[in-house]
PDB file of N, CA and C in Angstrom:
ATOM      1  N   MET A   1     108.669 130.099 123.958  1.00  0.00           N
ATOM      2  CA  MET A   1     108.210 129.763 122.621  1.00  0.00           C
ATOM      3  C   MET A   1     108.374 128.274 122.340  1.00  0.00           C
ATOM      4  N   LYS A   2     109.506 127.689 122.761  1.00  0.00           N
ATOM      5  CA  LYS A   2     109.746 126.271 122.510  1.00  0.00           C
ATOM      6  C   LYS A   2     108.663 125.420 123.168  1.00  0.00           C
ATOM      7  N   ASN A   3     108.317 125.739 124.405  1.00  0.00           N
ATOM      8  CA  ASN A   3     107.289 124.979 125.104  1.00  0.00           C
ATOM      9  C   ASN A   3     105.934 125.111 124.423  1.00  0.00           C
ATOM     10  N   GLU A   4     105.648 126.282 123.875  1.00  0.00           N
ATOM     11  CA  GLU A   4     104.376 126.484 123.171  1.00  0.00           C
ATOM     12  C   GLU A   4     104.293 125.578 121.958  1.00  0.00           C
ATOM     13  N   ILE A   5     105.385 125.484 121.211  1.00  0.00           N
ATOM     14  CA  ILE A   5     105.408 124.622 120.025  1.00  0.00           C
ATOM     15  C   ILE A   5     105.231 123.172 120.434  1.00  0.00           C
ATOM     16  N   ILE A   6     105.962 122.748 121.450  1.00  0.00           N
ATOM     17  CA  ILE A   6     105.861 121.368 121.916  1.00  0.00           C
ATOM     18  C   ILE A   6     104.442 121.066 122.382  1.00  0.00           C
ATOM     19  N   ASN A   7     103.864 121.941 123.154  1.00  0.00           N
ATOM     20  CA  ASN A   7     102.493 121.720 123.629  1.00  0.00           C
ATOM     21  C   ASN A   7     101.500 121.654 122.476  1.00  0.00           C
ATOM     22  N   GLU A   8     101.699 122.497 121.487  1.00  0.00           N
ATOM     23  CA  GLU A   8     100.803 122.480 120.330  1.00  0.00           C
ATOM     24  C   GLU A   8     100.937 121.166 119.562  1.00  0.00           C
ATOM     25  N   VAL A   9     102.170 120.714 119.378  1.00  0.00           N
ATOM     26  CA  VAL A   9     102.405 119.460 118.660  1.00  0.00           C
ATOM     27  C   VAL A   9     101.821 118.276 119.428  1.00  0.00           C
ATOM     28  N   ILE A  10     102.023 118.249 120.715  1.00  0.00           N
ATOM     29  CA  ILE A  10     101.507 117.152 121.537  1.00  0.00           C
ATOM     30  C   ILE A  10      99.983 117.094 121.493  1.00  0.00           C
ATOM     31  N   SER A  11      99.351 118.219 121.306  1.00  0.00           N
ATOM     32  CA  SER A  11      97.884 118.246 121.278  1.00  0.00           C
ATOM     33  C   SER A  11      97.307 117.786 119.933  1.00  0.00           C
ATOM     34  N   LEU A  12      98.156 117.607 118.932  1.00  0.00           N
ATOM     35  CA  LEU A  12      97.681 117.150 117.626  1.00  0.00           C
ATOM     36  C   LEU A  12      97.202 115.700 117.710  1.00  0.00           C
ATOM     37  N   PRO A  13      96.298 115.313 116.815  1.00  0.00           N
ATOM     38  CA  PRO A  13      95.895 113.901 116.742  1.00  0.00           C
ATOM     39  C   PRO A  13      97.111 113.020 116.386  1.00  0.00           C
ATOM     40  N   VAL A  14      97.055 111.774 116.759  1.00  0.00           N
ATOM     41  CA  VAL A  14      98.179 110.850 116.576  1.00  0.00           C
ATOM     42  C   VAL A  14      98.650 110.820 115.123  1.00  0.00           C
ATOM     43  N   ARG A  15      97.726 110.750 114.195  1.00  0.00           N
ATOM     44  CA  ARG A  15      98.101 110.657 112.776  1.00  0.00           C
ATOM     45  C   ARG A  15      98.916 111.889 112.341  1.00  0.00           C
ATOM     46  N   GLN A  16      98.502 113.064 112.766  1.00  0.00           N
ATOM     47  CA  GLN A  16      99.218 114.280 112.402  1.00  0.00           C
ATOM     48  C   GLN A  16     100.590 114.332 113.073  1.00  0.00           C
ATOM     49  N   ARG A  17     100.675 113.838 114.307  1.00  0.00           N
ATOM     50  CA  ARG A  17     101.985 113.793 114.973  1.00  0.00           C
ATOM     51  C   ARG A  17     102.918 112.840 114.243  1.00  0.00           C
ATOM     52  N   ALA A  18     102.379 111.703 113.805  1.00  0.00           N
ATOM     53  CA  ALA A  18     103.191 110.741 113.064  1.00  0.00           C
ATOM     54  C   ALA A  18     103.692 111.344 111.753  1.00  0.00           C
ATOM     55  N   GLU A  19     102.831 112.071 111.066  1.00  0.00           N
ATOM     56  CA  GLU A  19     103.239 112.735 109.822  1.00  0.00           C
ATOM     57  C   GLU A  19     104.338 113.760 110.095  1.00  0.00           C
ATOM     58  N   LEU A  20     104.181 114.510 111.176  1.00  0.00           N
ATOM     59  CA  LEU A  20     105.182 115.509 111.544  1.00  0.00           C
ATOM     60  C   LEU A  20     106.521 114.840 111.866  1.00  0.00           C
ATOM     61  N   ILE A  21     106.481 113.750 112.595  1.00  0.00           N
ATOM     62  CA  ILE A  21     107.709 113.012 112.912  1.00  0.00           C
ATOM     63  C   ILE A  21     108.396 112.561 111.632  1.00  0.00           C
ATOM     64  N   ASP A  22     107.614 112.027 110.698  1.00  0.00           N
ATOM     65  CA  ASP A  22     108.180 111.574 109.423  1.00  0.00           C
ATOM     66  C   ASP A  22     108.850 112.724 108.690  1.00  0.00           C
ATOM     67  N   ILE A  23     108.203 113.861 108.635  1.00  0.00           N
ATOM     68  CA  ILE A  23     108.770 115.043 107.971  1.00  0.00           C
ATOM     69  C   ILE A  23     110.065 115.476 108.651  1.00  0.00           C
ATOM     70  N   LEU A  24     110.057 115.502 109.973  1.00  0.00           N
ATOM     71  CA  LEU A  24     111.250 115.934 110.712  1.00  0.00           C
ATOM     72  C   LEU A  24     112.415 114.972 110.501  1.00  0.00           C
ATOM     73  N   ILE A  25     112.136 113.677 110.528  1.00  0.00           N
ATOM     74  CA  ILE A  25     113.201 112.694 110.313  1.00  0.00           C
ATOM     75  C   ILE A  25     113.769 112.826 108.908  1.00  0.00           C
ATOM     76  N   LYS A  26     112.908 112.980 107.930  1.00  0.00           N
ATOM     77  CA  LYS A  26     113.379 113.137 106.550  1.00  0.00           C
ATOM     78  C   LYS A  26     114.220 114.397 106.393  1.00  0.00           C
ATOM     79  N   SER A  27     113.896 115.414 107.171  1.00  0.00           N
ATOM     80  CA  SER A  27     114.642 116.674 107.049  1.00  0.00           C
ATOM     81  C   SER A  27     116.058 116.569 107.617  1.00  0.00           C
ATOM     82  N   LEU A  28     116.295 115.575 108.458  1.00  0.00           N
ATOM     83  CA  LEU A  28     117.623 115.432 109.072  1.00  0.00           C
ATOM     84  C   LEU A  28     118.685 115.035 108.047  1.00  0.00           C
ATOM     85  N   ASN A  29     118.323 114.136 107.135  1.00  0.00           N
ATOM     86  CA  ASN A  29     119.268 113.740 106.106  1.00  0.00           C
ATOM     87  C   ASN A  29     118.510 113.235 104.883  1.00  0.00           C
ATOM     88  N   PRO A  30     118.080 114.157 104.046  1.00  0.00           N
ATOM     89  CA  PRO A  30     117.262 113.769 102.897  1.00  0.00           C
ATOM     90  C   PRO A  30     117.987 112.857 101.909  1.00  0.00           C
ATOM     91  N   ALA A  31     119.312 112.934 101.831  1.00  0.00           N
ATOM     92  CA  ALA A  31     120.055 112.077 100.895  1.00  0.00           C
ATOM     93  C   ALA A  31     119.929 110.616 101.303  1.00  0.00           C
ATOM     94  N   ILE A  32     120.025 110.339 102.589  1.00  0.00           N
ATOM     95  CA  ILE A  32     119.894 108.969 103.063  1.00  0.00           C
ATOM     96  C   ILE A  32     118.478 108.477 102.825  1.00  0.00           C
ATOM     97  N   ASP A  33     117.496 109.326 103.106  1.00  0.00           N
ATOM     98  CA  ASP A  33     116.105 108.950 102.910  1.00  0.00           C
ATOM     99  C   ASP A  33     115.842 108.602 101.454  1.00  0.00           C
ATOM    100  N   LYS A  34     116.370 109.386 100.526  1.00  0.00           N
ATOM    101  CA  LYS A  34     116.175 109.124  99.104  1.00  0.00           C
ATOM    102  C   LYS A  34     116.796 107.791  98.717  1.00  0.00           C
ATOM    103  N   LYS A  35     117.984 107.507  99.241  1.00  0.00           N
ATOM    104  CA  LYS A  35     118.661 106.249  98.942  1.00  0.00           C
ATOM    105  C   LYS A  35     117.848 105.075  99.468  1.00  0.00           C
ATOM    106  N   ILE A  36     117.319 105.203 100.667  1.00  0.00           N
ATOM    107  CA  ILE A  36     116.497 104.134 101.246  1.00  0.00           C
ATOM    108  C   ILE A  36     115.253 103.905 100.390  1.00  0.00           C
ATOM    109  N   GLU A  37     114.618 104.977  99.951  1.00  0.00           N
ATOM    110  CA  GLU A  37     113.442 104.847  99.093  1.00  0.00           C
ATOM    111  C   GLU A  37     113.788 104.129  97.792  1.00  0.00           C
ATOM    112  N   GLU A  38     114.941 104.459  97.214  1.00  0.00           N
ATOM    113  CA  GLU A  38     115.376 103.793  95.977  1.00  0.00           C
ATOM    114  C   GLU A  38     115.604 102.304  96.215  1.00  0.00           C
ATOM    115  N   LEU A  39     116.265 101.976  97.321  1.00  0.00           N
ATOM    116  CA  LEU A  39     116.522 100.567  97.632  1.00  0.00           C
ATOM    117  C   LEU A  39     115.231  99.792  97.855  1.00  0.00           C
ATOM    118  N   TRP A  40     114.273 100.403  98.573  1.00  0.00           N
ATOM    119  CA  TRP A  40     112.998  99.725  98.804  1.00  0.00           C
ATOM    120  C   TRP A  40     112.217  99.576  97.502  1.00  0.00           C
ATOM    121  N   ALA A  41     112.300 100.547  96.615  1.00  0.00           N
ATOM    122  CA  ALA A  41     111.609 100.444  95.324  1.00  0.00           C
ATOM    123  C   ALA A  41     112.166  99.267  94.530  1.00  0.00           C
ATOM    124  N   LYS A  42     113.486  99.130  94.509  1.00  0.00           N
ATOM    125  CA  LYS A  42     114.111  97.994  93.811  1.00  0.00           C
ATOM    126  C   LYS A  42     113.707  96.674  94.447  1.00  0.00           C
ATOM    127  N   GLU A  43     113.731  96.627  95.779  1.00  0.00           N
ATOM    128  CA  GLU A  43     113.371  95.395  96.489  1.00  0.00           C
ATOM    129  C   GLU A  43     111.913  95.023  96.244  1.00  0.00           C
ATOM    130  N   SER A  44     111.016  96.002  96.279  1.00  0.00           N
ATOM    131  CA  SER A  44     109.597  95.691  96.074  1.00  0.00           C
ATOM    132  C   SER A  44     109.348  95.212  94.647  1.00  0.00           C
ATOM    133  N   GLU A  45     110.053  95.791  93.682  1.00  0.00           N
ATOM    134  CA  GLU A  45     109.916  95.333  92.291  1.00  0.00           C
ATOM    135  C   GLU A  45     110.429  93.898  92.145  1.00  0.00           C
ATOM    136  N   LYS A  46     111.550  93.598  92.787  1.00  0.00           N
ATOM    137  CA  LYS A  46     112.104  92.241  92.750  1.00  0.00           C
ATOM    138  C   LYS A  46     111.112  91.248  93.352  1.00  0.00           C
ATOM    139  N   ARG A  47     110.525  91.613  94.485  1.00  0.00           N
ATOM    140  CA  ARG A  47     109.558  90.724  95.133  1.00  0.00           C
ATOM    141  C   ARG A  47     108.319  90.529  94.262  1.00  0.00           C
ATOM    142  N   ALA A  48     107.856  91.592  93.635  1.00  0.00           N
ATOM    143  CA  ALA A  48     106.685  91.491  92.748  1.00  0.00           C
ATOM    144  C   ALA A  48     106.992  90.576  91.571  1.00  0.00           C
ATOM    145  N   GLN A  49     108.181  90.701  91.003  1.00  0.00           N
ATOM    146  CA  GLN A  49     108.579  89.830  89.893  1.00  0.00           C
ATOM    147  C   GLN A  49     108.650  88.371  90.336  1.00  0.00           C
ATOM    148  N   ASP A  50     109.207  88.130  91.516  1.00  0.00           N
ATOM    149  CA  ASP A  50     109.283  86.767  92.039  1.00  0.00           C
ATOM    150  C   ASP A  50     107.895  86.164  92.201  1.00  0.00           C
ATOM    151  N   ILE A  51     106.938  86.959  92.643  1.00  0.00           N
ATOM    152  CA  ILE A  51     105.567  86.473  92.794  1.00  0.00           C
ATOM    153  C   ILE A  51     104.967  86.174  91.427  1.00  0.00           C
ATOM    154  N   ARG A  52     105.126  87.102  90.476  1.00  0.00           N
ATOM    155  CA  ARG A  52     104.568  86.902  89.131  1.00  0.00           C
ATOM    156  C   ARG A  52     105.150  85.670  88.453  1.00  0.00           C
ATOM    157  N   LYS A  53     106.446  85.429  88.646  1.00  0.00           N
ATOM    158  CA  LYS A  53     107.114  84.290  88.016  1.00  0.00           C
ATOM    159  C   LYS A  53     106.863  82.971  88.748  1.00  0.00           C
ATOM    160  N   GLY A  54     106.262  83.051  89.920  1.00  0.00           N
ATOM    161  CA  GLY A  54     106.001  81.845  90.695  1.00  0.00           C
ATOM    162  C   GLY A  54     107.224  81.346  91.448  1.00  0.00           C
ATOM    163  N   ASN A  55     108.206  82.201  91.640  1.00  0.00           N
ATOM    164  CA  ASN A  55     109.433  81.813  92.348  1.00  0.00           C
ATOM    165  C   ASN A  55     109.248  81.723  93.854  1.00  0.00           C
ATOM    166  N   VAL A  56     108.198  82.336  94.345  1.00  0.00           N
ATOM    167  CA  VAL A  56     107.917  82.301  95.781  1.00  0.00           C
ATOM    168  C   VAL A  56     106.463  81.906  95.995  1.00  0.00           C
ATOM    169  N   LYS A  57     106.202  81.288  97.125  1.00  0.00           N
ATOM    170  CA  LYS A  57     104.839  80.917  97.477  1.00  0.00           C
ATOM    171  C   LYS A  57     104.268  82.013  98.365  1.00  0.00           C
ATOM    172  N   THR A  58     103.127  82.536  97.980  1.00  0.00           N
ATOM    173  CA  THR A  58     102.485  83.542  98.824  1.00  0.00           C
ATOM    174  C   THR A  58     101.658  82.838  99.896  1.00  0.00           C
ATOM    175  N   VAL A  59     101.489  83.511 101.012  1.00  0.00           N
ATOM    176  CA  VAL A  59     100.738  82.965 102.136  1.00  0.00           C
ATOM    177  C   VAL A  59      99.702  84.008 102.538  1.00  0.00           C
ATOM    178  N   SER A  60      98.474  83.568 102.703  1.00  0.00           N
ATOM    179  CA  SER A  60      97.417  84.509 103.089  1.00  0.00           C
ATOM    180  C   SER A  60      97.630  84.972 104.525  1.00  0.00           C
ATOM    181  N   SER A  61      97.067  86.128 104.828  1.00  0.00           N
ATOM    182  CA  SER A  61      97.187  86.647 106.190  1.00  0.00           C
ATOM    183  C   SER A  61      96.514  85.721 107.193  1.00  0.00           C
ATOM    184  N   ASP A  62      95.437  85.059 106.770  1.00  0.00           N
ATOM    185  CA  ASP A  62      94.769  84.104 107.665  1.00  0.00           C
ATOM    186  C   ASP A  62      95.703  82.954 108.030  1.00  0.00           C
ATOM    187  N   GLU A  63      96.437  82.438 107.041  1.00  0.00           N
ATOM    188  CA  GLU A  63      97.383  81.358 107.313  1.00  0.00           C
ATOM    189  C   GLU A  63      98.481  81.815 108.269  1.00  0.00           C
ATOM    190  N   VAL A  64      98.972  83.015 108.045  1.00  0.00           N
ATOM    191  CA  VAL A  64     100.022  83.555 108.906  1.00  0.00           C
ATOM    192  C   VAL A  64      99.522  83.691 110.335  1.00  0.00           C
ATOM    193  N   MET A  65      98.359  84.285 110.501  1.00  0.00           N
ATOM    194  CA  MET A  65      97.809  84.498 111.843  1.00  0.00           C
ATOM    195  C   MET A  65      97.508  83.172 112.541  1.00  0.00           C
ATOM    196  N   ASN A  66      96.988  82.194 111.796  1.00  0.00           N
ATOM    197  CA  ASN A  66      96.721  80.883 112.392  1.00  0.00           C
ATOM    198  C   ASN A  66      98.011  80.227 112.855  1.00  0.00           C
ATOM    199  N   GLY A  67      99.061  80.337 112.059  1.00  0.00           N
ATOM    200  CA  GLY A  67     100.358  79.787 112.448  1.00  0.00           C
ATOM    201  C   GLY A  67     100.901  80.451 113.707  1.00  0.00           C
ATOM    202  N   ILE A  68     100.750  81.754 113.791  1.00  0.00           N
ATOM    203  CA  ILE A  68     101.210  82.495 114.972  1.00  0.00           C
ATOM    204  C   ILE A  68     100.416  82.058 116.203  1.00  0.00           C
ATOM    205  N   ARG A  69      99.097  81.958 116.043  1.00  0.00           N
ATOM    206  CA  ARG A  69      98.252  81.540 117.177  1.00  0.00           C
ATOM    207  C   ARG A  69      98.647  80.160 117.676  1.00  0.00           C
ATOM    208  N   LYS A  70      98.930  79.235 116.744  1.00  0.00           N
ATOM    209  CA  LYS A  70      99.337  77.878 117.141  1.00  0.00           C
ATOM    210  C   LYS A  70     100.632  77.908 117.935  1.00  0.00           C
ATOM    211  N   ARG A  71     101.574  78.730 117.499  1.00  0.00           N
ATOM    212  CA  ARG A  71     102.856  78.805 118.201  1.00  0.00           C
ATOM    213  C   ARG A  71     102.714  79.434 119.592  1.00  0.00           C
ATOM    214  N   ILE A  72     101.844  80.403 119.684  1.00  0.00           N
ATOM    215  CA  ILE A  72     101.667  81.099 120.958  1.00  0.00           C
ATOM    216  C   ILE A  72     100.971  80.215 121.988  1.00  0.00           C
ATOM    217  N   THR A  73     100.001  79.421 121.526  1.00  0.00           N
ATOM    218  CA  THR A  73      99.208  78.624 122.469  1.00  0.00           C
ATOM    219  C   THR A  73      99.868  77.314 122.850  1.00  0.00           C
ATOM    220  N   LYS A  74     101.007  76.994 122.289  1.00  0.00           N
ATOM    221  CA  LYS A  74     101.696  75.731 122.640  1.00  0.00           C
ATOM    222  C   LYS A  74     102.242  75.760 124.029  1.00  0.00           C
TER     223      LYS A  74
END
């Protein structure tokens, strides 16, 4: 039976396997997962406020990628 389940899971599309992995990991310790979600929510709100207040300079993805390309090709 165990092998049947594993084979069935492996045959799923990548996205569904990723969702299943996420569910299984969350089931291992939901209290820790909830705490992490709370911490990330606070951090994302802080970052959004910093952007709105002009405390940080935003950088476009094009600028980031160009900078990476320059460093790689040196």
